[in-house]
Amino acid sequence: MKAPTNTQADHLSEDDTARLLSVLGTSDPEQLLASLIFYTTYTFALRGGTELNNMTPASFTFTIGDRTVDTTYVENAAKNRQPGLKNIHHKRRTVTHISKKSDTETFYFYYHFYLDRCPPEMRNSSTLRLFQHPLRRADPSTDLVWYGTKKPLGRNY
């Protein structure tokens, strides 16, 4: 039997990156959700799955300066606390990202655009999960709320 080989994915070319960014945006609930998930994983180097599933709005703090915004993400410590490993002390990973306030292609922009379309109780919640399914009949041209709080995305979306 042949041993598995480690392969590395090719880097994204400038054309690939431009094509990817062309499908991201804020014009409808699905596109906004996909954009926020992309910028969350890209900005904070997350692997997806459990990390994204356990995020709450309280996972992020923002320090707003004159021209920049410092976004700090603190991971959920429970992701590495598996049964039987009670003696292991896990330090929660903290990642800080600095972006320009005026830039619209950042996590900060998409995060706040998304939360503006969520119910008010979602804003600083530490119990409601961040990524929610869009409402079935949300009309982006007229509705102010595009997402609910009762249907969080599953682990694999």
C-alpha atoms as a PDB file:
ATOM      1  CA  MET A   1       0.000   0.000   0.000  1.00  0.00           C
ATOM      2  CA  LYS A   2       1.306   3.417  -0.945  1.00  0.00           C
ATOM      3  CA  ALA A   3       1.903   5.900   1.866  1.00  0.00           C
ATOM      4  CA  PRO A   4      -0.035   9.171   1.578  1.00  0.00           C
ATOM      5  CA  THR A   5       2.020  12.115   0.425  1.00  0.00           C
ATOM      6  CA  ASN A   6       1.719  15.616   1.778  1.00  0.00           C
ATOM      7  CA  THR A   7       0.652  18.023  -0.906  1.00  0.00           C
ATOM      8  CA  GLN A   8       0.377  21.753  -0.670  1.00  0.00           C
ATOM      9  CA  ALA A   9      -2.330  23.744  -2.411  1.00  0.00           C
ATOM     10  CA  ASP A  10      -1.278  26.258  -5.019  1.00  0.00           C
ATOM     11  CA  HIS A  11      -1.310  29.907  -4.042  1.00  0.00           C
ATOM     12  CA  LEU A  12      -4.129  32.031  -5.385  1.00  0.00           C
ATOM     13  CA  SER A  13      -3.125  34.090  -8.380  1.00  0.00           C
ATOM     14  CA  GLU A  14      -4.149  37.730  -8.726  1.00  0.00           C
ATOM     15  CA  ASP A  15      -6.800  36.674 -11.271  1.00  0.00           C
ATOM     16  CA  ASP A  16      -8.199  34.060  -8.876  1.00  0.00           C
ATOM     17  CA  THR A  17      -8.324  36.611  -6.073  1.00  0.00           C
ATOM     18  CA  ALA A  18     -10.059  39.185  -8.282  1.00  0.00           C
ATOM     19  CA  ARG A  19     -12.627  36.575  -9.386  1.00  0.00           C
ATOM     20  CA  LEU A  20     -13.270  35.583  -5.769  1.00  0.00           C
ATOM     21  CA  LEU A  21     -13.722  39.184  -4.631  1.00  0.00           C
ATOM     22  CA  SER A  22     -16.137  39.838  -7.502  1.00  0.00           C
ATOM     23  CA  VAL A  23     -18.692  37.397  -6.036  1.00  0.00           C
ATOM     24  CA  LEU A  24     -18.505  38.831  -2.513  1.00  0.00           C
ATOM     25  CA  GLY A  25     -20.760  41.687  -1.568  1.00  0.00           C
ATOM     26  CA  THR A  26     -23.789  42.957   0.316  1.00  0.00           C
ATOM     27  CA  SER A  27     -26.606  42.865  -2.243  1.00  0.00           C
ATOM     28  CA  ASP A  28     -28.545  39.917  -0.765  1.00  0.00           C
ATOM     29  CA  PRO A  29     -28.560  37.873   2.479  1.00  0.00           C
ATOM     30  CA  GLU A  30     -26.751  34.811   1.070  1.00  0.00           C
ATOM     31  CA  GLN A  31     -24.019  36.907  -0.538  1.00  0.00           C
ATOM     32  CA  LEU A  32     -23.494  38.929   2.637  1.00  0.00           C
ATOM     33  CA  LEU A  33     -23.295  35.774   4.784  1.00  0.00           C
ATOM     34  CA  ALA A  34     -20.766  34.177   2.401  1.00  0.00           C
ATOM     35  CA  SER A  35     -18.720  37.390   2.403  1.00  0.00           C
ATOM     36  CA  LEU A  36     -18.666  37.595   6.202  1.00  0.00           C
ATOM     37  CA  ILE A  37     -17.650  33.939   6.552  1.00  0.00           C
ATOM     38  CA  PHE A  38     -14.880  34.433   3.976  1.00  0.00           C
ATOM     39  CA  TYR A  39     -13.487  37.561   5.645  1.00  0.00           C
ATOM     40  CA  THR A  40     -13.732  35.971   9.109  1.00  0.00           C
ATOM     41  CA  THR A  41     -11.712  32.910   8.097  1.00  0.00           C
ATOM     42  CA  TYR A  42      -9.300  34.953   5.970  1.00  0.00           C
ATOM     43  CA  THR A  43      -8.645  37.693   8.534  1.00  0.00           C
ATOM     44  CA  PHE A  44      -8.276  35.479  11.598  1.00  0.00           C
ATOM     45  CA  ALA A  45      -6.757  32.376   9.915  1.00  0.00           C
ATOM     46  CA  LEU A  46      -9.544  30.063  11.055  1.00  0.00           C
ATOM     47  CA  ARG A  47      -9.985  26.516   9.847  1.00  0.00           C
ATOM     48  CA  GLY A  48     -13.768  26.586   9.808  1.00  0.00           C
ATOM     49  CA  GLY A  49     -16.178  24.034  11.252  1.00  0.00           C
ATOM     50  CA  THR A  50     -16.252  24.210  15.041  1.00  0.00           C
ATOM     51  CA  GLU A  51     -14.464  27.566  15.329  1.00  0.00           C
ATOM     52  CA  LEU A  52     -16.988  29.344  13.119  1.00  0.00           C
ATOM     53  CA  ASN A  53     -19.900  27.448  14.626  1.00  0.00           C
ATOM     54  CA  ASN A  54     -19.064  28.550  18.179  1.00  0.00           C
ATOM     55  CA  MET A  55     -18.517  32.245  17.440  1.00  0.00           C
ATOM     56  CA  THR A  56     -20.755  34.814  19.057  1.00  0.00           C
ATOM     57  CA  PRO A  57     -20.826  38.588  18.541  1.00  0.00           C
ATOM     58  CA  ALA A  58     -19.075  38.864  21.921  1.00  0.00           C
ATOM     59  CA  SER A  59     -16.042  37.036  20.452  1.00  0.00           C
ATOM     60  CA  PHE A  60     -14.955  40.334  18.890  1.00  0.00           C
ATOM     61  CA  THR A  61     -13.949  43.687  20.334  1.00  0.00           C
ATOM     62  CA  PHE A  62     -13.215  46.830  18.355  1.00  0.00           C
ATOM     63  CA  THR A  63     -10.936  49.747  19.188  1.00  0.00           C
ATOM     64  CA  ILE A  64     -11.644  52.638  16.855  1.00  0.00           C
ATOM     65  CA  GLY A  65      -8.900  55.185  16.247  1.00  0.00           C
ATOM     66  CA  ASP A  66      -8.750  58.259  14.028  1.00  0.00           C
ATOM     67  CA  ARG A  67      -8.117  56.338  10.804  1.00  0.00           C
ATOM     68  CA  THR A  68      -7.890  52.690  11.821  1.00  0.00           C
ATOM     69  CA  VAL A  69      -9.912  50.009  13.569  1.00  0.00           C
ATOM     70  CA  ASP A  70      -8.287  47.314  15.708  1.00  0.00           C
ATOM     71  CA  THR A  71     -10.411  44.171  15.711  1.00  0.00           C
ATOM     72  CA  THR A  72      -9.600  41.573  18.367  1.00  0.00           C
ATOM     73  CA  TYR A  73     -10.934  38.022  18.224  1.00  0.00           C
ATOM     74  CA  VAL A  74     -10.699  35.705  21.239  1.00  0.00           C
ATOM     75  CA  GLU A  75     -11.339  32.055  20.478  1.00  0.00           C
ATOM     76  CA  ASN A  76     -13.788  29.903  22.383  1.00  0.00           C
ATOM     77  CA  ALA A  77     -11.711  27.894  24.858  1.00  0.00           C
ATOM     78  CA  ALA A  78     -14.153  24.982  24.787  1.00  0.00           C
ATOM     79  CA  LYS A  79     -13.037  23.858  21.321  1.00  0.00           C
ATOM     80  CA  ASN A  80      -9.923  22.189  22.734  1.00  0.00           C
ATOM     81  CA  ARG A  81     -11.416  21.025  26.026  1.00  0.00           C
ATOM     82  CA  GLN A  82     -12.281  17.471  25.195  1.00  0.00           C
ATOM     83  CA  PRO A  83     -13.569  14.984  27.780  1.00  0.00           C
ATOM     84  CA  GLY A  84     -10.800  13.308  29.775  1.00  0.00           C
ATOM     85  CA  LEU A  85      -8.293  16.104  29.282  1.00  0.00           C
ATOM     86  CA  LYS A  86      -9.120  18.077  32.431  1.00  0.00           C
ATOM     87  CA  ASN A  87      -5.495  18.586  33.445  1.00  0.00           C
ATOM     88  CA  ILE A  88      -4.512  20.373  30.250  1.00  0.00           C
ATOM     89  CA  HIS A  89      -4.480  24.145  30.567  1.00  0.00           C
ATOM     90  CA  HIS A  90      -5.399  25.801  27.305  1.00  0.00           C
ATOM     91  CA  LYS A  91      -4.634  29.438  26.634  1.00  0.00           C
ATOM     92  CA  ARG A  92      -7.284  31.045  24.451  1.00  0.00           C
ATOM     93  CA  ARG A  93      -5.843  32.316  21.208  1.00  0.00           C
ATOM     94  CA  THR A  94      -6.229  36.039  20.616  1.00  0.00           C
ATOM     95  CA  VAL A  95      -5.788  37.598  17.180  1.00  0.00           C
ATOM     96  CA  THR A  96      -5.775  41.331  16.464  1.00  0.00           C
ATOM     97  CA  HIS A  97      -6.306  42.770  12.994  1.00  0.00           C
ATOM     98  CA  ILE A  98      -5.788  46.418  12.061  1.00  0.00           C
ATOM     99  CA  SER A  99      -7.682  47.905   9.127  1.00  0.00           C
ATOM    100  CA  LYS A 100      -8.526  51.328   7.725  1.00  0.00           C
ATOM    101  CA  LYS A 101     -11.909  52.691   8.802  1.00  0.00           C
ATOM    102  CA  SER A 102     -12.699  53.781   5.255  1.00  0.00           C
ATOM    103  CA  ASP A 103     -11.959  50.408   3.593  1.00  0.00           C
ATOM    104  CA  THR A 104     -15.063  48.458   2.548  1.00  0.00           C
ATOM    105  CA  GLU A 105     -13.242  45.187   1.807  1.00  0.00           C
ATOM    106  CA  THR A 106     -12.516  44.268   5.424  1.00  0.00           C
ATOM    107  CA  PHE A 107     -13.926  42.054   8.130  1.00  0.00           C
ATOM    108  CA  TYR A 108     -14.928  45.168  10.121  1.00  0.00           C
ATOM    109  CA  PHE A 109     -17.119  46.479   7.284  1.00  0.00           C
ATOM    110  CA  TYR A 110     -18.878  43.167   6.573  1.00  0.00           C
ATOM    111  CA  TYR A 111     -19.318  42.354  10.285  1.00  0.00           C
ATOM    112  CA  HIS A 112     -21.128  45.621  11.003  1.00  0.00           C
ATOM    113  CA  PHE A 113     -23.141  45.481   7.785  1.00  0.00           C
ATOM    114  CA  TYR A 114     -24.254  41.963   8.797  1.00  0.00           C
ATOM    115  CA  LEU A 115     -25.134  42.934  12.383  1.00  0.00           C
ATOM    116  CA  ASP A 116     -27.153  45.900  11.087  1.00  0.00           C
ATOM    117  CA  ARG A 117     -29.365  43.339   9.320  1.00  0.00           C
ATOM    118  CA  CYS A 118     -29.759  41.128  12.414  1.00  0.00           C
ATOM    119  CA  PRO A 119     -32.265  41.640  15.254  1.00  0.00           C
ATOM    120  CA  PRO A 120     -31.038  44.087  17.961  1.00  0.00           C
ATOM    121  CA  GLU A 121     -30.621  41.337  20.602  1.00  0.00           C
ATOM    122  CA  MET A 122     -27.851  39.838  18.465  1.00  0.00           C
ATOM    123  CA  ARG A 123     -25.461  42.820  18.732  1.00  0.00           C
ATOM    124  CA  ASN A 124     -23.390  41.980  21.841  1.00  0.00           C
ATOM    125  CA  SER A 125     -24.745  38.570  22.679  1.00  0.00           C
ATOM    126  CA  SER A 126     -22.441  35.994  24.211  1.00  0.00           C
ATOM    127  CA  THR A 127     -25.015  33.207  23.826  1.00  0.00           C
ATOM    128  CA  LEU A 128     -26.454  33.660  20.320  1.00  0.00           C
ATOM    129  CA  ARG A 129     -24.241  32.240  17.592  1.00  0.00           C
ATOM    130  CA  LEU A 130     -22.921  34.780  15.090  1.00  0.00           C
ATOM    131  CA  PHE A 131     -23.777  33.071  11.805  1.00  0.00           C
ATOM    132  CA  GLN A 132     -27.541  32.696  11.313  1.00  0.00           C
ATOM    133  CA  HIS A 133     -29.578  31.451   8.360  1.00  0.00           C
ATOM    134  CA  PRO A 134     -31.268  34.200   6.330  1.00  0.00           C
ATOM    135  CA  LEU A 135     -34.996  34.662   6.849  1.00  0.00           C
ATOM    136  CA  ARG A 136     -36.999  32.905   4.119  1.00  0.00           C
ATOM    137  CA  ARG A 137     -38.850  35.930   2.858  1.00  0.00           C
ATOM    138  CA  ALA A 138     -36.304  38.661   3.494  1.00  0.00           C
ATOM    139  CA  ASP A 139     -36.446  41.253   0.726  1.00  0.00           C
ATOM    140  CA  PRO A 140     -33.091  43.100   0.582  1.00  0.00           C
ATOM    141  CA  SER A 141     -34.655  46.118  -1.096  1.00  0.00           C
ATOM    142  CA  THR A 142     -37.229  46.783   1.654  1.00  0.00           C
ATOM    143  CA  ASP A 143     -36.519  44.722   4.796  1.00  0.00           C
ATOM    144  CA  LEU A 144     -34.152  45.981   7.477  1.00  0.00           C
ATOM    145  CA  VAL A 145     -33.743  42.544   9.112  1.00  0.00           C
ATOM    146  CA  TRP A 146     -32.414  39.736   6.899  1.00  0.00           C
ATOM    147  CA  TYR A 147     -31.484  37.166   9.578  1.00  0.00           C
ATOM    148  CA  GLY A 148     -33.172  35.623  12.606  1.00  0.00           C
ATOM    149  CA  THR A 149     -31.772  34.329  15.886  1.00  0.00           C
ATOM    150  CA  LYS A 150     -33.371  30.889  16.038  1.00  0.00           C
ATOM    151  CA  LYS A 151     -31.616  29.124  13.129  1.00  0.00           C
ATOM    152  CA  PRO A 152     -27.831  29.231  13.426  1.00  0.00           C
ATOM    153  CA  LEU A 153     -25.779  27.731  10.632  1.00  0.00           C
ATOM    154  CA  GLY A 154     -24.724  24.155  11.183  1.00  0.00           C
ATOM    155  CA  ARG A 155     -21.129  23.024  11.455  1.00  0.00           C
ATOM    156  CA  ASN A 156     -20.770  22.438   7.735  1.00  0.00           C
ATOM    157  CA  TYR A 157     -23.242  25.177   6.705  1.00  0.00           C
END
